PDB file of N, CA and C in Angstrom:
ATOM      1  N   UNK A   1    -167.859 -27.236  48.706  1.00  0.00           N
ATOM      2  CA  UNK A   1    -168.410 -28.380  48.229  1.00  0.00           C
ATOM      3  C   UNK A   1    -167.864 -28.371  46.626  1.00  0.00           C
ATOM      4  N   UNK A   2    -167.246 -29.400  46.364  1.00  0.00           N
ATOM      5  CA  UNK A   2    -167.033 -29.722  44.961  1.00  0.00           C
ATOM      6  C   UNK A   2    -167.743 -30.950  44.219  1.00  0.00           C
ATOM      7  N   UNK A   3    -168.445 -30.376  43.744  1.00  0.00           N
ATOM      8  CA  UNK A   3    -169.818 -31.752  43.368  1.00  0.00           C
ATOM      9  C   UNK A   3    -169.151 -31.793  41.733  1.00  0.00           C
ATOM     10  N   UNK A   4    -168.505 -31.231  40.848  1.00  0.00           N
ATOM     11  CA  UNK A   4    -168.192 -31.791  39.399  1.00  0.00           C
ATOM     12  C   UNK A   4    -168.598 -32.857  39.118  1.00  0.00           C
ATOM     13  N   UNK A   5    -167.857 -33.895  39.784  1.00  0.00           N
ATOM     14  CA  UNK A   5    -168.153 -35.194  39.284  1.00  0.00           C
ATOM     15  C   UNK A   5    -169.526 -35.594  39.014  1.00  0.00           C
ATOM     16  N   UNK A   6    -170.527 -35.403  40.139  1.00  0.00           N
ATOM     17  CA  UNK A   6    -171.826 -35.762  40.169  1.00  0.00           C
ATOM     18  C   UNK A   6    -172.376 -34.878  38.906  1.00  0.00           C
ATOM     19  N   UNK A   7    -172.128 -33.702  38.813  1.00  0.00           N
ATOM     20  CA  UNK A   7    -172.894 -32.950  37.621  1.00  0.00           C
ATOM     21  C   UNK A   7    -171.760 -33.320  36.329  1.00  0.00           C
ATOM     22  N   UNK A   8    -171.075 -34.135  36.246  1.00  0.00           N
ATOM     23  CA  UNK A   8    -170.688 -34.230  34.682  1.00  0.00           C
ATOM     24  C   UNK A   8    -171.547 -35.052  33.867  1.00  0.00           C
ATOM     25  N   UNK A   9    -172.116 -36.575  34.612  1.00  0.00           N
ATOM     26  CA  UNK A   9    -173.203 -37.166  33.664  1.00  0.00           C
ATOM     27  C   UNK A   9    -174.259 -36.477  33.073  1.00  0.00           C
ATOM     28  N   UNK A  10    -175.101 -35.819  34.015  1.00  0.00           N
ATOM     29  CA  UNK A  10    -176.345 -35.187  33.481  1.00  0.00           C
ATOM     30  C   UNK A  10    -175.839 -33.952  32.651  1.00  0.00           C
ATOM     31  N   UNK A  11    -174.739 -33.166  32.702  1.00  0.00           N
ATOM     32  CA  UNK A  11    -174.291 -32.322  31.795  1.00  0.00           C
ATOM     33  C   UNK A  11    -173.882 -33.182  30.333  1.00  0.00           C
ATOM     34  N   UNK A  12    -173.373 -34.040  30.250  1.00  0.00           N
ATOM     35  CA  UNK A  12    -172.867 -35.112  29.176  1.00  0.00           C
ATOM     36  C   UNK A  12    -173.951 -35.387  28.514  1.00  0.00           C
ATOM     37  N   UNK A  13    -175.080 -36.048  29.103  1.00  0.00           N
ATOM     38  CA  UNK A  13    -176.206 -36.714  28.695  1.00  0.00           C
ATOM     39  C   UNK A  13    -176.746 -35.832  27.839  1.00  0.00           C
ATOM     40  N   UNK A  14    -177.225 -34.426  28.673  1.00  0.00           N
ATOM     41  CA  UNK A  14    -177.868 -33.177  27.768  1.00  0.00           C
ATOM     42  C   UNK A  14    -177.382 -33.203  26.614  1.00  0.00           C
ATOM     43  N   UNK A  15    -176.076 -32.478  26.545  1.00  0.00           N
ATOM     44  CA  UNK A  15    -175.238 -32.207  25.711  1.00  0.00           C
ATOM     45  C   UNK A  15    -175.254 -33.591  24.189  1.00  0.00           C
ATOM     46  N   UNK A  16    -175.258 -34.821  24.729  1.00  0.00           N
ATOM     47  CA  UNK A  16    -175.389 -35.891  23.458  1.00  0.00           C
ATOM     48  C   UNK A  16    -176.929 -35.800  23.073  1.00  0.00           C
ATOM     49  N   UNK A  17    -177.769 -35.643  23.924  1.00  0.00           N
ATOM     50  CA  UNK A  17    -179.341 -35.646  23.339  1.00  0.00           C
ATOM     51  C   UNK A  17    -179.650 -34.139  22.696  1.00  0.00           C
ATOM     52  N   UNK A  18    -179.395 -33.497  23.064  1.00  0.00           N
ATOM     53  CA  UNK A  18    -179.470 -31.965  22.108  1.00  0.00           C
ATOM     54  C   UNK A  18    -178.755 -31.988  20.920  1.00  0.00           C
ATOM     55  N   UNK A  19    -177.383 -32.773  20.606  1.00  0.00           N
ATOM     56  CA  UNK A  19    -176.915 -33.118  19.550  1.00  0.00           C
ATOM     57  C   UNK A  19    -177.878 -33.888  18.703  1.00  0.00           C
ATOM     58  N   UNK A  20    -178.068 -34.702  19.390  1.00  0.00           N
ATOM     59  CA  UNK A  20    -178.938 -36.254  18.871  1.00  0.00           C
ATOM     60  C   UNK A  20    -180.191 -35.589  17.993  1.00  0.00           C
ATOM     61  N   UNK A  21    -181.030 -34.419  18.862  1.00  0.00           N
ATOM     62  CA  UNK A  21    -182.215 -33.886  18.140  1.00  0.00           C
ATOM     63  C   UNK A  21    -181.980 -32.841  17.224  1.00  0.00           C
ATOM     64  N   UNK A  22    -180.845 -32.174  17.918  1.00  0.00           N
ATOM     65  CA  UNK A  22    -180.207 -31.205  16.235  1.00  0.00           C
ATOM     66  C   UNK A  22    -179.957 -31.718  15.346  1.00  0.00           C
ATOM     67  N   UNK A  23    -179.668 -33.072  15.316  1.00  0.00           N
ATOM     68  CA  UNK A  23    -179.535 -33.943  13.811  1.00  0.00           C
ATOM     69  C   UNK A  23    -180.773 -34.167  13.389  1.00  0.00           C
ATOM     70  N   UNK A  24    -181.528 -34.399  14.032  1.00  0.00           N
ATOM     71  CA  UNK A  24    -183.051 -34.806  13.367  1.00  0.00           C
ATOM     72  C   UNK A  24    -183.258 -33.452  12.805  1.00  0.00           C
ATOM     73  N   UNK A  25    -183.251 -32.364  13.589  1.00  0.00           N
ATOM     74  CA  UNK A  25    -183.737 -31.057  12.926  1.00  0.00           C
ATOM     75  C   UNK A  25    -183.228 -30.940  11.644  1.00  0.00           C
ATOM     76  N   UNK A  26    -181.749 -31.218  11.855  1.00  0.00           N
ATOM     77  CA  UNK A  26    -181.119 -30.591  10.212  1.00  0.00           C
ATOM     78  C   UNK A  26    -181.496 -31.837   9.446  1.00  0.00           C
ATOM     79  N   UNK A  27    -181.671 -33.227   9.705  1.00  0.00           N
ATOM     80  CA  UNK A  27    -182.217 -33.870   8.598  1.00  0.00           C
ATOM     81  C   UNK A  27    -183.425 -33.587   7.766  1.00  0.00           C
ATOM     82  N   UNK A  28    -184.223 -33.181   8.694  1.00  0.00           N
ATOM     83  CA  UNK A  28    -185.712 -32.582   8.397  1.00  0.00           C
ATOM     84  C   UNK A  28    -185.571 -31.300   7.497  1.00  0.00           C
ATOM     85  N   UNK A  29    -184.741 -30.375   7.988  1.00  0.00           N
ATOM     86  CA  UNK A  29    -184.861 -29.200   7.166  1.00  0.00           C
ATOM     87  C   UNK A  29    -184.408 -29.193   5.999  1.00  0.00           C
ATOM     88  N   UNK A  30    -183.443 -30.011   5.757  1.00  0.00           N
ATOM     89  CA  UNK A  30    -182.475 -30.245   4.581  1.00  0.00           C
ATOM     90  C   UNK A  30    -182.767 -31.378   3.519  1.00  0.00           C
ATOM     91  N   UNK A  31    -184.324 -32.061   3.733  1.00  0.00           N
ATOM     92  CA  UNK A  31    -184.763 -32.862   3.465  1.00  0.00           C
ATOM     93  C   UNK A  31    -185.587 -32.509   2.349  1.00  0.00           C
ATOM     94  N   UNK A  32    -185.263 -32.655   0.972  1.00  0.00           N
ATOM     95  CA  UNK A  32    -186.439 -32.385  -0.163  1.00  0.00           C
ATOM     96  C   UNK A  32    -187.673 -33.276  -0.001  1.00  0.00           C
ATOM     97  N   UNK A  33    -188.606 -32.478  -0.654  1.00  0.00           N
ATOM     98  CA  UNK A  33    -189.903 -33.519  -0.542  1.00  0.00           C
ATOM     99  C   UNK A  33    -190.952 -33.719   0.285  1.00  0.00           C
ATOM    100  N   UNK A  34    -190.518 -32.899   1.560  1.00  0.00           N
ATOM    101  CA  UNK A  34    -191.565 -33.375   2.883  1.00  0.00           C
ATOM    102  C   UNK A  34    -192.299 -31.969   2.724  1.00  0.00           C
ATOM    103  N   UNK A  35    -193.474 -32.293   2.805  1.00  0.00           N
ATOM    104  CA  UNK A  35    -193.974 -31.049   2.823  1.00  0.00           C
ATOM    105  C   UNK A  35    -194.241 -30.620   4.360  1.00  0.00           C
ATOM    106  N   UNK A  36    -194.713 -29.301   3.933  1.00  0.00           N
ATOM    107  CA  UNK A  36    -193.881 -28.101   4.754  1.00  0.00           C
ATOM    108  C   UNK A  36    -194.452 -28.521   6.313  1.00  0.00           C
ATOM    109  N   UNK A  37    -195.951 -28.393   6.752  1.00  0.00           N
ATOM    110  CA  UNK A  37    -196.663 -28.933   7.910  1.00  0.00           C
ATOM    111  C   UNK A  37    -195.575 -30.097   8.405  1.00  0.00           C
ATOM    112  N   UNK A  38    -195.497 -30.841   7.672  1.00  0.00           N
ATOM    113  CA  UNK A  38    -194.783 -32.337   8.844  1.00  0.00           C
ATOM    114  C   UNK A  38    -193.481 -31.995   9.029  1.00  0.00           C
ATOM    115  N   UNK A  39    -192.963 -31.006   7.794  1.00  0.00           N
ATOM    116  CA  UNK A  39    -191.459 -30.670   8.072  1.00  0.00           C
ATOM    117  C   UNK A  39    -191.702 -29.835   9.465  1.00  0.00           C
ATOM    118  N   UNK A  40    -192.607 -28.765   9.223  1.00  0.00           N
ATOM    119  CA  UNK A  40    -192.464 -27.710  11.083  1.00  0.00           C
ATOM    120  C   UNK A  40    -193.051 -28.796  12.023  1.00  0.00           C
ATOM    121  N   UNK A  41    -193.457 -29.661  11.970  1.00  0.00           N
ATOM    122  CA  UNK A  41    -193.792 -30.595  13.032  1.00  0.00           C
ATOM    123  C   UNK A  41    -192.578 -31.138  13.587  1.00  0.00           C
ATOM    124  N   UNK A  42    -192.076 -31.681  12.808  1.00  0.00           N
ATOM    125  CA  UNK A  42    -190.457 -32.144  12.859  1.00  0.00           C
ATOM    126  C   UNK A  42    -189.570 -31.438  13.342  1.00  0.00           C
ATOM    127  N   UNK A  43    -189.631 -30.323  13.117  1.00  0.00           N
ATOM    128  CA  UNK A  43    -188.612 -29.157  13.909  1.00  0.00           C
ATOM    129  C   UNK A  43    -189.211 -29.043  15.244  1.00  0.00           C
ATOM    130  N   UNK A  44    -190.058 -28.711  15.234  1.00  0.00           N
ATOM    131  CA  UNK A  44    -190.720 -27.999  16.642  1.00  0.00           C
ATOM    132  C   UNK A  44    -190.745 -29.309  17.490  1.00  0.00           C
ATOM    133  N   UNK A  45    -190.895 -30.388  17.584  1.00  0.00           N
ATOM    134  CA  UNK A  45    -191.442 -31.314  18.526  1.00  0.00           C
ATOM    135  C   UNK A  45    -189.534 -31.497  18.984  1.00  0.00           C
ATOM    136  N   UNK A  46    -188.262 -31.874  18.413  1.00  0.00           N
ATOM    137  CA  UNK A  46    -187.462 -32.061  18.908  1.00  0.00           C
ATOM    138  C   UNK A  46    -187.056 -30.505  19.365  1.00  0.00           C
ATOM    139  N   UNK A  47    -187.084 -29.791  19.471  1.00  0.00           N
ATOM    140  CA  UNK A  47    -186.735 -28.147  19.780  1.00  0.00           C
ATOM    141  C   UNK A  47    -187.346 -28.321  21.450  1.00  0.00           C
ATOM    142  N   UNK A  48    -188.737 -28.728  21.169  1.00  0.00           N
ATOM    143  CA  UNK A  48    -189.208 -28.757  22.796  1.00  0.00           C
ATOM    144  C   UNK A  48    -188.629 -29.753  23.449  1.00  0.00           C
ATOM    145  N   UNK A  49    -188.132 -30.899  23.102  1.00  0.00           N
ATOM    146  CA  UNK A  49    -187.518 -31.845  23.668  1.00  0.00           C
ATOM    147  C   UNK A  49    -186.148 -31.479  24.271  1.00  0.00           C
ATOM    148  N   UNK A  50    -185.679 -30.865  23.235  1.00  0.00           N
ATOM    149  CA  UNK A  50    -184.183 -29.792  23.611  1.00  0.00           C
ATOM    150  C   UNK A  50    -184.436 -28.906  24.852  1.00  0.00           C
ATOM    151  N   UNK A  51    -185.555 -27.952  24.930  1.00  0.00           N
ATOM    152  CA  UNK A  51    -185.864 -27.271  25.705  1.00  0.00           C
ATOM    153  C   UNK A  51    -185.901 -28.014  27.058  1.00  0.00           C
ATOM    154  N   UNK A  52    -186.923 -29.399  27.035  1.00  0.00           N
ATOM    155  CA  UNK A  52    -187.108 -29.953  28.254  1.00  0.00           C
ATOM    156  C   UNK A  52    -185.771 -30.586  28.923  1.00  0.00           C
ATOM    157  N   UNK A  53    -184.703 -30.973  27.813  1.00  0.00           N
ATOM    158  CA  UNK A  53    -183.601 -31.499  28.466  1.00  0.00           C
ATOM    159  C   UNK A  53    -182.827 -30.875  28.949  1.00  0.00           C
ATOM    160  N   UNK A  54    -182.655 -29.657  28.423  1.00  0.00           N
ATOM    161  CA  UNK A  54    -181.826 -28.483  29.377  1.00  0.00           C
ATOM    162  C   UNK A  54    -182.283 -28.175  30.724  1.00  0.00           C
ATOM    163  N   UNK A  55    -184.245 -28.071  30.348  1.00  0.00           N
ATOM    164  CA  UNK A  55    -184.416 -27.686  31.974  1.00  0.00           C
ATOM    165  C   UNK A  55    -184.163 -28.707  33.091  1.00  0.00           C
ATOM    166  N   UNK A  56    -184.565 -29.885  32.732  1.00  0.00           N
ATOM    167  CA  UNK A  56    -184.100 -30.918  33.434  1.00  0.00           C
ATOM    168  C   UNK A  56    -182.397 -31.122  33.840  1.00  0.00           C
ATOM    169  N   UNK A  57    -181.765 -30.507  33.259  1.00  0.00           N
ATOM    170  CA  UNK A  57    -180.379 -30.682  33.723  1.00  0.00           C
ATOM    171  C   UNK A  57    -179.963 -29.400  34.498  1.00  0.00           C
ATOM    172  N   UNK A  58    -180.645 -28.508  34.002  1.00  0.00           N
ATOM    173  CA  UNK A  58    -180.555 -27.406  35.102  1.00  0.00           C
ATOM    174  C   UNK A  58    -180.895 -27.787  36.313  1.00  0.00           C
ATOM    175  N   UNK A  59    -182.137 -28.190  36.634  1.00  0.00           N
ATOM    176  CA  UNK A  59    -182.944 -28.696  37.676  1.00  0.00           C
ATOM    177  C   UNK A  59    -182.100 -29.477  38.585  1.00  0.00           C
ATOM    178  N   UNK A  60    -181.610 -30.314  37.676  1.00  0.00           N
ATOM    179  CA  UNK A  60    -180.867 -31.616  38.682  1.00  0.00           C
ATOM    180  C   UNK A  60    -179.262 -31.087  38.991  1.00  0.00           C
ATOM    181  N   UNK A  61    -178.689 -29.852  38.345  1.00  0.00           N
ATOM    182  CA  UNK A  61    -177.604 -29.444  38.867  1.00  0.00           C
ATOM    183  C   UNK A  61    -177.868 -28.406  39.995  1.00  0.00           C
ATOM    184  N   UNK A  62    -178.958 -27.759  40.028  1.00  0.00           N
ATOM    185  CA  UNK A  62    -179.336 -27.215  41.541  1.00  0.00           C
ATOM    186  C   UNK A  62    -179.556 -28.325  42.375  1.00  0.00           C
ATOM    187  N   UNK A  63    -180.189 -29.683  42.080  1.00  0.00           N
ATOM    188  CA  UNK A  63    -180.228 -30.630  43.037  1.00  0.00           C
ATOM    189  C   UNK A  63    -178.870 -30.882  43.731  1.00  0.00           C
ATOM    190  N   UNK A  64    -178.111 -31.370  42.898  1.00  0.00           N
ATOM    191  CA  UNK A  64    -176.563 -31.709  43.364  1.00  0.00           C
ATOM    192  C   UNK A  64    -175.842 -30.565  44.038  1.00  0.00           C
ATOM    193  N   UNK A  65    -175.914 -29.317  43.724  1.00  0.00           N
ATOM    194  CA  UNK A  65    -175.231 -28.384  44.407  1.00  0.00           C
ATOM    195  C   UNK A  65    -176.300 -27.760  45.424  1.00  0.00           C
ATOM    196  N   UNK A  66    -177.332 -28.232  46.057  1.00  0.00           N
ATOM    197  CA  UNK A  66    -178.086 -28.128  47.271  1.00  0.00           C
ATOM    198  C   UNK A  66    -177.740 -29.727  48.033  1.00  0.00           C
ATOM    199  N   UNK A  67    -177.387 -30.291  47.641  1.00  0.00           N
ATOM    200  CA  UNK A  67    -176.863 -31.243  48.666  1.00  0.00           C
ATOM    201  C   UNK A  67    -177.812 -32.802  48.306  1.00  0.00           C
ATOM    202  N   UNK A  68    -179.201 -32.930  47.400  1.00  0.00           N
ATOM    203  CA  UNK A  68    -179.375 -33.925  47.062  1.00  0.00           C
ATOM    204  C   UNK A  68    -178.863 -34.828  45.928  1.00  0.00           C
ATOM    205  N   UNK A  69    -177.518 -35.197  46.293  1.00  0.00           N
ATOM    206  CA  UNK A  69    -177.005 -35.916  45.231  1.00  0.00           C
ATOM    207  C   UNK A  69    -177.627 -37.299  44.911  1.00  0.00           C
ATOM    208  N   UNK A  70    -178.553 -37.887  45.845  1.00  0.00           N
ATOM    209  CA  UNK A  70    -178.902 -39.209  45.650  1.00  0.00           C
ATOM    210  C   UNK A  70    -180.874 -39.277  45.627  1.00  0.00           C
ATOM    211  N   UNK A  71    -181.202 -39.087  44.517  1.00  0.00           N
ATOM    212  CA  UNK A  71    -182.599 -38.967  44.490  1.00  0.00           C
ATOM    213  C   UNK A  71    -183.489 -40.130  45.314  1.00  0.00           C
ATOM    214  N   UNK A  72    -182.534 -41.439  44.643  1.00  0.00           N
ATOM    215  CA  UNK A  72    -183.380 -42.159  45.061  1.00  0.00           C
ATOM    216  C   UNK A  72    -183.636 -42.609  46.543  1.00  0.00           C
ATOM    217  N   UNK A  73    -182.613 -41.874  47.496  1.00  0.00           N
ATOM    218  CA  UNK A  73    -182.734 -41.872  48.729  1.00  0.00           C
ATOM    219  C   UNK A  73    -184.277 -41.338  49.476  1.00  0.00           C
ATOM    220  N   UNK A  74    -184.985 -40.314  48.625  1.00  0.00           N
ATOM    221  CA  UNK A  74    -186.367 -40.259  49.095  1.00  0.00           C
ATOM    222  C   UNK A  74    -187.251 -40.839  48.907  1.00  0.00           C
ATOM    223  N   UNK A  75    -187.102 -42.181  48.503  1.00  0.00           N
ATOM    224  CA  UNK A  75    -188.233 -43.247  47.996  1.00  0.00           C
ATOM    225  C   UNK A  75    -188.050 -44.908  49.194  1.00  0.00           C
TER     226      UNK A  75
END
């Protein structure tokens, strides 16, 4: 079965959010005058969000490939 169209939306949203969080990271890396602790926190938190988003996307792709295209049908 080809589930390409159904996988397209989660992949696009994941890419957009990873780029957004990457922009936030770049903003704080290159912004002078921010204390190191705050800079470190504002780098680690978006990195964690990126990791979670990628994990959720992988999980969603596995669901789609497994035949669970509609999560709402379970409820």
